[in-house]
């Protein structure tokens, strides 16, 4: 695996998470503030979403590396 490629795509996932939390999670936080929500459930949701994004990104990187190796042969 080429680490430069890996970190480039990992940076993309972090940028996606920042956009997600600014555009989607922010308004959701305001709504939760009005309705009420348990903090532990809220934190578990945030961690779950982050882990899901990271898993998807790692799988994408692995598949991409396989395809790149096959095309370069």
PDB file of N, CA and C in Angstrom:
ATOM      1  N   UNK A   1       0.850  -1.184   0.000  1.00  0.00           N
ATOM      2  CA  UNK A   1       0.000   0.000   0.000  1.00  0.00           C
ATOM      3  C   UNK A   1       0.891   1.241   0.000  1.00  0.00           C
ATOM      4  N   UNK A   2       0.525   2.205  -0.784  1.00  0.00           N
ATOM      5  CA  UNK A   2       1.283   3.442  -0.843  1.00  0.00           C
ATOM      6  C   UNK A   2       0.754   4.392   0.223  1.00  0.00           C
ATOM      7  N   UNK A   3       1.635   4.771   1.149  1.00  0.00           N
ATOM      8  CA  UNK A   3       1.187   5.583   2.286  1.00  0.00           C
ATOM      9  C   UNK A   3       0.746   6.974   1.869  1.00  0.00           C
ATOM     10  N   UNK A   4       1.366   7.524   0.843  1.00  0.00           N
ATOM     11  CA  UNK A   4       0.963   8.856   0.393  1.00  0.00           C
ATOM     12  C   UNK A   4      -0.501   8.823  -0.058  1.00  0.00           C
ATOM     13  N   UNK A   5      -0.846   7.796  -0.814  1.00  0.00           N
ATOM     14  CA  UNK A   5      -2.223   7.643  -1.280  1.00  0.00           C
ATOM     15  C   UNK A   5      -3.163   7.415  -0.100  1.00  0.00           C
ATOM     16  N   UNK A   6      -2.719   6.592   0.840  1.00  0.00           N
ATOM     17  CA  UNK A   6      -3.544   6.292   2.015  1.00  0.00           C
ATOM     18  C   UNK A   6      -3.861   7.560   2.789  1.00  0.00           C
ATOM     19  N   UNK A   7      -2.844   8.393   3.048  1.00  0.00           N
ATOM     20  CA  UNK A   7      -3.073   9.607   3.836  1.00  0.00           C
ATOM     21  C   UNK A   7      -3.892  10.629   3.067  1.00  0.00           C
ATOM     22  N   UNK A   8      -3.747  10.662   1.740  1.00  0.00           N
ATOM     23  CA  UNK A   8      -4.562  11.581   0.949  1.00  0.00           C
ATOM     24  C   UNK A   8      -6.043  11.237   1.102  1.00  0.00           C
ATOM     25  N   UNK A   9      -6.362   9.949   1.038  1.00  0.00           N
ATOM     26  CA  UNK A   9      -7.756   9.548   1.164  1.00  0.00           C
ATOM     27  C   UNK A   9      -8.236   9.634   2.608  1.00  0.00           C
ATOM     28  N   UNK A  10      -7.334   9.431   3.557  1.00  0.00           N
ATOM     29  CA  UNK A  10      -7.710   9.593   4.961  1.00  0.00           C
ATOM     30  C   UNK A  10      -8.026  11.053   5.249  1.00  0.00           C
ATOM     31  N   UNK A  11      -7.264  11.961   4.643  1.00  0.00           N
ATOM     32  CA  UNK A  11      -7.562  13.386   4.787  1.00  0.00           C
ATOM     33  C   UNK A  11      -8.951  13.696   4.238  1.00  0.00           C
ATOM     34  N   UNK A  12      -9.317  13.037   3.151  1.00  0.00           N
ATOM     35  CA  UNK A  12     -10.643  13.238   2.563  1.00  0.00           C
ATOM     36  C   UNK A  12     -11.736  12.829   3.537  1.00  0.00           C
ATOM     37  N   UNK A  13     -11.536  11.736   4.255  1.00  0.00           N
ATOM     38  CA  UNK A  13     -12.565  11.300   5.202  1.00  0.00           C
ATOM     39  C   UNK A  13     -12.689  12.298   6.336  1.00  0.00           C
ATOM     40  N   UNK A  14     -11.590  12.867   6.789  1.00  0.00           N
ATOM     41  CA  UNK A  14     -11.673  13.861   7.852  1.00  0.00           C
ATOM     42  C   UNK A  14     -12.370  15.125   7.366  1.00  0.00           C
ATOM     43  N   UNK A  15     -12.116  15.513   6.130  1.00  0.00           N
ATOM     44  CA  UNK A  15     -12.818  16.668   5.570  1.00  0.00           C
ATOM     45  C   UNK A  15     -14.316  16.392   5.473  1.00  0.00           C
ATOM     46  N   UNK A  16     -14.667  15.171   5.079  1.00  0.00           N
ATOM     47  CA  UNK A  16     -16.078  14.792   5.001  1.00  0.00           C
ATOM     48  C   UNK A  16     -16.726  14.851   6.376  1.00  0.00           C
ATOM     49  N   UNK A  17     -16.018  14.376   7.393  1.00  0.00           N
ATOM     50  CA  UNK A  17     -16.557  14.425   8.752  1.00  0.00           C
ATOM     51  C   UNK A  17     -16.751  15.862   9.218  1.00  0.00           C
ATOM     52  N   UNK A  18     -15.821  16.737   8.891  1.00  0.00           N
ATOM     53  CA  UNK A  18     -15.960  18.144   9.281  1.00  0.00           C
ATOM     54  C   UNK A  18     -17.185  18.747   8.620  1.00  0.00           C
ATOM     55  N   UNK A  19     -17.356  18.492   7.334  1.00  0.00           N
ATOM     56  CA  UNK A  19     -18.540  18.999   6.633  1.00  0.00           C
ATOM     57  C   UNK A  19     -19.802  18.429   7.254  1.00  0.00           C
ATOM     58  N   UNK A  20     -19.793  17.125   7.554  1.00  0.00           N
ATOM     59  CA  UNK A  20     -20.965  16.490   8.154  1.00  0.00           C
ATOM     60  C   UNK A  20     -21.326  17.156   9.476  1.00  0.00           C
ATOM     61  N   UNK A  21     -20.344  17.328  10.342  1.00  0.00           N
ATOM     62  CA  UNK A  21     -20.647  17.877  11.658  1.00  0.00           C
ATOM     63  C   UNK A  21     -21.047  19.344  11.594  1.00  0.00           C
ATOM     64  N   UNK A  22     -20.534  20.093  10.613  1.00  0.00           N
ATOM     65  CA  UNK A  22     -20.909  21.500  10.501  1.00  0.00           C
ATOM     66  C   UNK A  22     -22.292  21.681   9.882  1.00  0.00           C
ATOM     67  N   UNK A  23     -22.605  20.914   8.844  1.00  0.00           N
ATOM     68  CA  UNK A  23     -23.852  21.130   8.113  1.00  0.00           C
ATOM     69  C   UNK A  23     -25.022  20.292   8.618  1.00  0.00           C
ATOM     70  N   UNK A  24     -24.739  19.104   9.129  1.00  0.00           N
ATOM     71  CA  UNK A  24     -25.822  18.216   9.561  1.00  0.00           C
ATOM     72  C   UNK A  24     -25.901  18.143  11.078  1.00  0.00           C
ATOM     73  N   UNK A  25     -24.785  17.868  11.719  1.00  0.00           N
ATOM     74  CA  UNK A  25     -24.797  17.670  13.166  1.00  0.00           C
ATOM     75  C   UNK A  25     -25.093  18.958  13.921  1.00  0.00           C
ATOM     76  N   UNK A  26     -24.627  20.089  13.415  1.00  0.00           N
ATOM     77  CA  UNK A  26     -24.874  21.369  14.090  1.00  0.00           C
ATOM     78  C   UNK A  26     -26.352  21.674  14.266  1.00  0.00           C
ATOM     79  N   UNK A  27     -27.137  21.690  13.169  1.00  0.00           N
ATOM     80  CA  UNK A  27     -28.581  21.910  13.322  1.00  0.00           C
ATOM     81  C   UNK A  27     -29.253  20.832  14.179  1.00  0.00           C
ATOM     82  N   UNK A  28     -28.770  19.596  14.075  1.00  0.00           N
ATOM     83  CA  UNK A  28     -29.310  18.513  14.893  1.00  0.00           C
ATOM     84  C   UNK A  28     -29.059  18.797  16.372  1.00  0.00           C
ATOM     85  N   UNK A  29     -27.881  19.336  16.689  1.00  0.00           N
ATOM     86  CA  UNK A  29     -27.566  19.699  18.073  1.00  0.00           C
ATOM     87  C   UNK A  29     -28.539  20.744  18.598  1.00  0.00           C
ATOM     88  N   UNK A  30     -28.849  21.721  17.771  1.00  0.00           N
ATOM     89  CA  UNK A  30     -29.805  22.754  18.189  1.00  0.00           C
ATOM     90  C   UNK A  30     -31.172  22.150  18.467  1.00  0.00           C
ATOM     91  N   UNK A  31     -31.599  21.233  17.621  1.00  0.00           N
ATOM     92  CA  UNK A  31     -32.892  20.573  17.816  1.00  0.00           C
ATOM     93  C   UNK A  31     -32.885  19.736  19.090  1.00  0.00           C
ATOM     94  N   UNK A  32     -31.789  19.023  19.336  1.00  0.00           N
ATOM     95  CA  UNK A  32     -31.681  18.207  20.547  1.00  0.00           C
ATOM     96  C   UNK A  32     -31.717  19.090  21.785  1.00  0.00           C
ATOM     97  N   UNK A  33     -31.101  20.267  21.700  1.00  0.00           N
ATOM     98  CA  UNK A  33     -31.118  21.193  22.833  1.00  0.00           C
ATOM     99  C   UNK A  33     -32.532  21.574  23.228  1.00  0.00           C
ATOM    100  N   UNK A  34     -33.419  21.678  22.261  1.00  0.00           N
ATOM    101  CA  UNK A  34     -34.808  22.026  22.554  1.00  0.00           C
ATOM    102  C   UNK A  34     -35.599  20.827  23.050  1.00  0.00           C
ATOM    103  N   UNK A  35     -35.375  19.678  22.432  1.00  0.00           N
ATOM    104  CA  UNK A  35     -36.164  18.487  22.750  1.00  0.00           C
ATOM    105  C   UNK A  35     -35.629  17.776  23.985  1.00  0.00           C
ATOM    106  N   UNK A  36     -34.325  17.739  24.124  1.00  0.00           N
ATOM    107  CA  UNK A  36     -33.693  17.019  25.228  1.00  0.00           C
ATOM    108  C   UNK A  36     -33.209  15.657  24.761  1.00  0.00           C
ATOM    109  N   UNK A  37     -32.075  15.246  25.249  1.00  0.00           N
ATOM    110  CA  UNK A  37     -31.456  14.010  24.792  1.00  0.00           C
ATOM    111  C   UNK A  37     -30.418  13.609  25.824  1.00  0.00           C
ATOM    112  N   UNK A  38     -30.263  12.322  26.035  1.00  0.00           N
ATOM    113  CA  UNK A  38     -29.258  11.865  26.989  1.00  0.00           C
ATOM    114  C   UNK A  38     -27.871  12.008  26.391  1.00  0.00           C
ATOM    115  N   UNK A  39     -26.955  12.548  27.162  1.00  0.00           N
ATOM    116  CA  UNK A  39     -25.604  12.819  26.670  1.00  0.00           C
ATOM    117  C   UNK A  39     -24.893  11.544  26.229  1.00  0.00           C
ATOM    118  N   UNK A  40     -25.063  10.467  26.967  1.00  0.00           N
ATOM    119  CA  UNK A  40     -24.363   9.227  26.604  1.00  0.00           C
ATOM    120  C   UNK A  40     -24.828   8.711  25.244  1.00  0.00           C
ATOM    121  N   UNK A  41     -26.111   8.762  24.984  1.00  0.00           N
ATOM    122  CA  UNK A  41     -26.623   8.323  23.680  1.00  0.00           C
ATOM    123  C   UNK A  41     -26.096   9.215  22.565  1.00  0.00           C
ATOM    124  N   UNK A  42     -26.036  10.491  22.837  1.00  0.00           N
ATOM    125  CA  UNK A  42     -25.542  11.455  21.852  1.00  0.00           C
ATOM    126  C   UNK A  42     -24.083  11.179  21.507  1.00  0.00           C
ATOM    127  N   UNK A  43     -23.247  10.955  22.517  1.00  0.00           N
ATOM    128  CA  UNK A  43     -21.828  10.683  22.278  1.00  0.00           C
ATOM    129  C   UNK A  43     -21.624   9.361  21.548  1.00  0.00           C
ATOM    130  N   UNK A  44     -22.420   8.359  21.893  1.00  0.00           N
ATOM    131  CA  UNK A  44     -22.333   7.068  21.208  1.00  0.00           C
ATOM    132  C   UNK A  44     -22.689   7.231  19.736  1.00  0.00           C
ATOM    133  N   UNK A  45     -23.695   8.048  19.443  1.00  0.00           N
ATOM    134  CA  UNK A  45     -24.067   8.307  18.048  1.00  0.00           C
ATOM    135  C   UNK A  45     -22.926   8.962  17.285  1.00  0.00           C
ATOM    136  N   UNK A  46     -22.287   9.953  17.883  1.00  0.00           N
ATOM    137  CA  UNK A  46     -21.178  10.649  17.217  1.00  0.00           C
ATOM    138  C   UNK A  46     -20.020   9.687  16.958  1.00  0.00           C
ATOM    139  N   UNK A  47     -19.664   8.886  17.949  1.00  0.00           N
ATOM    140  CA  UNK A  47     -18.570   7.927  17.777  1.00  0.00           C
ATOM    141  C   UNK A  47     -18.945   6.890  16.718  1.00  0.00           C
ATOM    142  N   UNK A  48     -20.187   6.434  16.737  1.00  0.00           N
ATOM    143  CA  UNK A  48     -20.641   5.457  15.749  1.00  0.00           C
ATOM    144  C   UNK A  48     -20.556   5.978  14.332  1.00  0.00           C
ATOM    145  N   UNK A  49     -20.976   7.211  14.126  1.00  0.00           N
ATOM    146  CA  UNK A  49     -20.910   7.820  12.797  1.00  0.00           C
ATOM    147  C   UNK A  49     -19.461   7.956  12.347  1.00  0.00           C
ATOM    148  N   UNK A  50     -18.594   8.390  13.251  1.00  0.00           N
ATOM    149  CA  UNK A  50     -17.181   8.553  12.908  1.00  0.00           C
ATOM    150  C   UNK A  50     -16.547   7.212  12.554  1.00  0.00           C
ATOM    151  N   UNK A  51     -16.816   6.181  13.338  1.00  0.00           N
ATOM    152  CA  UNK A  51     -16.263   4.852  13.069  1.00  0.00           C
ATOM    153  C   UNK A  51     -16.779   4.326  11.732  1.00  0.00           C
ATOM    154  N   UNK A  52     -18.052   4.539  11.450  1.00  0.00           N
ATOM    155  CA  UNK A  52     -18.610   4.098  10.178  1.00  0.00           C
ATOM    156  C   UNK A  52     -17.902   4.768   9.002  1.00  0.00           C
ATOM    157  N   UNK A  53     -17.687   6.077   9.081  1.00  0.00           N
ATOM    158  CA  UNK A  53     -16.970   6.783   8.023  1.00  0.00           C
ATOM    159  C   UNK A  53     -15.564   6.223   7.852  1.00  0.00           C
ATOM    160  N   UNK A  54     -14.865   5.962   8.946  1.00  0.00           N
ATOM    161  CA  UNK A  54     -13.486   5.459   8.869  1.00  0.00           C
ATOM    162  C   UNK A  54     -13.457   4.065   8.254  1.00  0.00           C
ATOM    163  N   UNK A  55     -14.390   3.198   8.640  1.00  0.00           N
ATOM    164  CA  UNK A  55     -14.450   1.844   8.079  1.00  0.00           C
ATOM    165  C   UNK A  55     -14.685   1.902   6.573  1.00  0.00           C
ATOM    166  N   UNK A  56     -15.630   2.728   6.161  1.00  0.00           N
ATOM    167  CA  UNK A  56     -15.910   2.862   4.725  1.00  0.00           C
ATOM    168  C   UNK A  56     -14.673   3.359   3.992  1.00  0.00           C
ATOM    169  N   UNK A  57     -13.977   4.313   4.560  1.00  0.00           N
ATOM    170  CA  UNK A  57     -12.785   4.857   3.915  1.00  0.00           C
ATOM    171  C   UNK A  57     -11.677   3.809   3.826  1.00  0.00           C
ATOM    172  N   UNK A  58     -11.474   3.026   4.870  1.00  0.00           N
ATOM    173  CA  UNK A  58     -10.433   1.997   4.842  1.00  0.00           C
ATOM    174  C   UNK A  58     -10.748   0.910   3.820  1.00  0.00           C
ATOM    175  N   UNK A  59     -12.012   0.504   3.737  1.00  0.00           N
ATOM    176  CA  UNK A  59     -12.409  -0.495   2.740  1.00  0.00           C
ATOM    177  C   UNK A  59     -12.205   0.065   1.335  1.00  0.00           C
ATOM    178  N   UNK A  60     -12.599   1.308   1.139  1.00  0.00           N
ATOM    179  CA  UNK A  60     -12.394   1.949  -0.166  1.00  0.00           C
ATOM    180  C   UNK A  60     -10.912   1.974  -0.535  1.00  0.00           C
ATOM    181  N   UNK A  61     -10.063   2.339   0.411  1.00  0.00           N
ATOM    182  CA  UNK A  61      -8.619   2.389   0.146  1.00  0.00           C
ATOM    183  C   UNK A  61      -8.066   1.010  -0.201  1.00  0.00           C
ATOM    184  N   UNK A  62      -8.509  -0.019   0.510  1.00  0.00           N
ATOM    185  CA  UNK A  62      -8.025  -1.374   0.243  1.00  0.00           C
ATOM    186  C   UNK A  62      -8.432  -1.823  -1.158  1.00  0.00           C
ATOM    187  N   UNK A  63      -9.689  -1.610  -1.522  1.00  0.00           N
ATOM    188  CA  UNK A  63     -10.163  -1.994  -2.855  1.00  0.00           C
ATOM    189  C   UNK A  63      -9.442  -1.187  -3.928  1.00  0.00           C
ATOM    190  N   UNK A  64      -9.249   0.077  -3.676  1.00  0.00           N
ATOM    191  CA  UNK A  64      -8.561   0.946  -4.639  1.00  0.00           C
ATOM    192  C   UNK A  64      -7.134   0.476  -4.873  1.00  0.00           C
ATOM    193  N   UNK A  65      -6.441   0.089  -3.811  1.00  0.00           N
ATOM    194  CA  UNK A  65      -5.064  -0.388  -3.959  1.00  0.00           C
ATOM    195  C   UNK A  65      -5.014  -1.678  -4.772  1.00  0.00           C
ATOM    196  N   UNK A  66      -5.983  -2.563  -4.575  1.00  0.00           N
ATOM    197  CA  UNK A  66      -6.035  -3.812  -5.347  1.00  0.00           C
ATOM    198  C   UNK A  66      -6.234  -3.506  -6.826  1.00  0.00           C
ATOM    199  N   UNK A  67      -7.151  -2.603  -7.124  1.00  0.00           N
ATOM    200  CA  UNK A  67      -7.424  -2.234  -8.515  1.00  0.00           C
ATOM    201  C   UNK A  67      -6.204  -1.570  -9.150  1.00  0.00           C
ATOM    202  N   UNK A  68      -5.549  -0.683  -8.416  1.00  0.00           N
ATOM    203  CA  UNK A  68      -4.364   0.002  -8.950  1.00  0.00           C
ATOM    204  C   UNK A  68      -3.253  -1.008  -9.242  1.00  0.00           C
ATOM    205  N   UNK A  69      -3.044  -1.971  -8.357  1.00  0.00           N
ATOM    206  CA  UNK A  69      -2.003  -2.982  -8.579  1.00  0.00           C
ATOM    207  C   UNK A  69      -2.314  -3.825  -9.809  1.00  0.00           C
ATOM    208  N   UNK A  70      -3.583  -4.212  -9.979  1.00  0.00           N
ATOM    209  CA  UNK A  70      -3.958  -5.034 -11.137  1.00  0.00           C
ATOM    210  C   UNK A  70      -3.785  -4.266 -12.439  1.00  0.00           C
ATOM    211  N   UNK A  71      -4.102  -2.997 -12.437  1.00  0.00           N
ATOM    212  CA  UNK A  71      -3.975  -2.198 -13.664  1.00  0.00           C
ATOM    213  C   UNK A  71      -2.521  -1.918 -14.008  1.00  0.00           C
ATOM    214  N   UNK A  72      -1.658  -1.887 -13.005  1.00  0.00           N
ATOM    215  CA  UNK A  72      -0.249  -1.576 -13.265  1.00  0.00           C
ATOM    216  C   UNK A  72       0.544  -2.786 -13.762  1.00  0.00           C
ATOM    217  N   UNK A  73      -0.025  -3.982 -13.666  1.00  0.00           N
ATOM    218  CA  UNK A  73       0.686  -5.199 -14.111  1.00  0.00           C
ATOM    219  C   UNK A  73       0.715  -5.316 -15.606  1.00  0.00           C
TER     220      UNK A  73
END
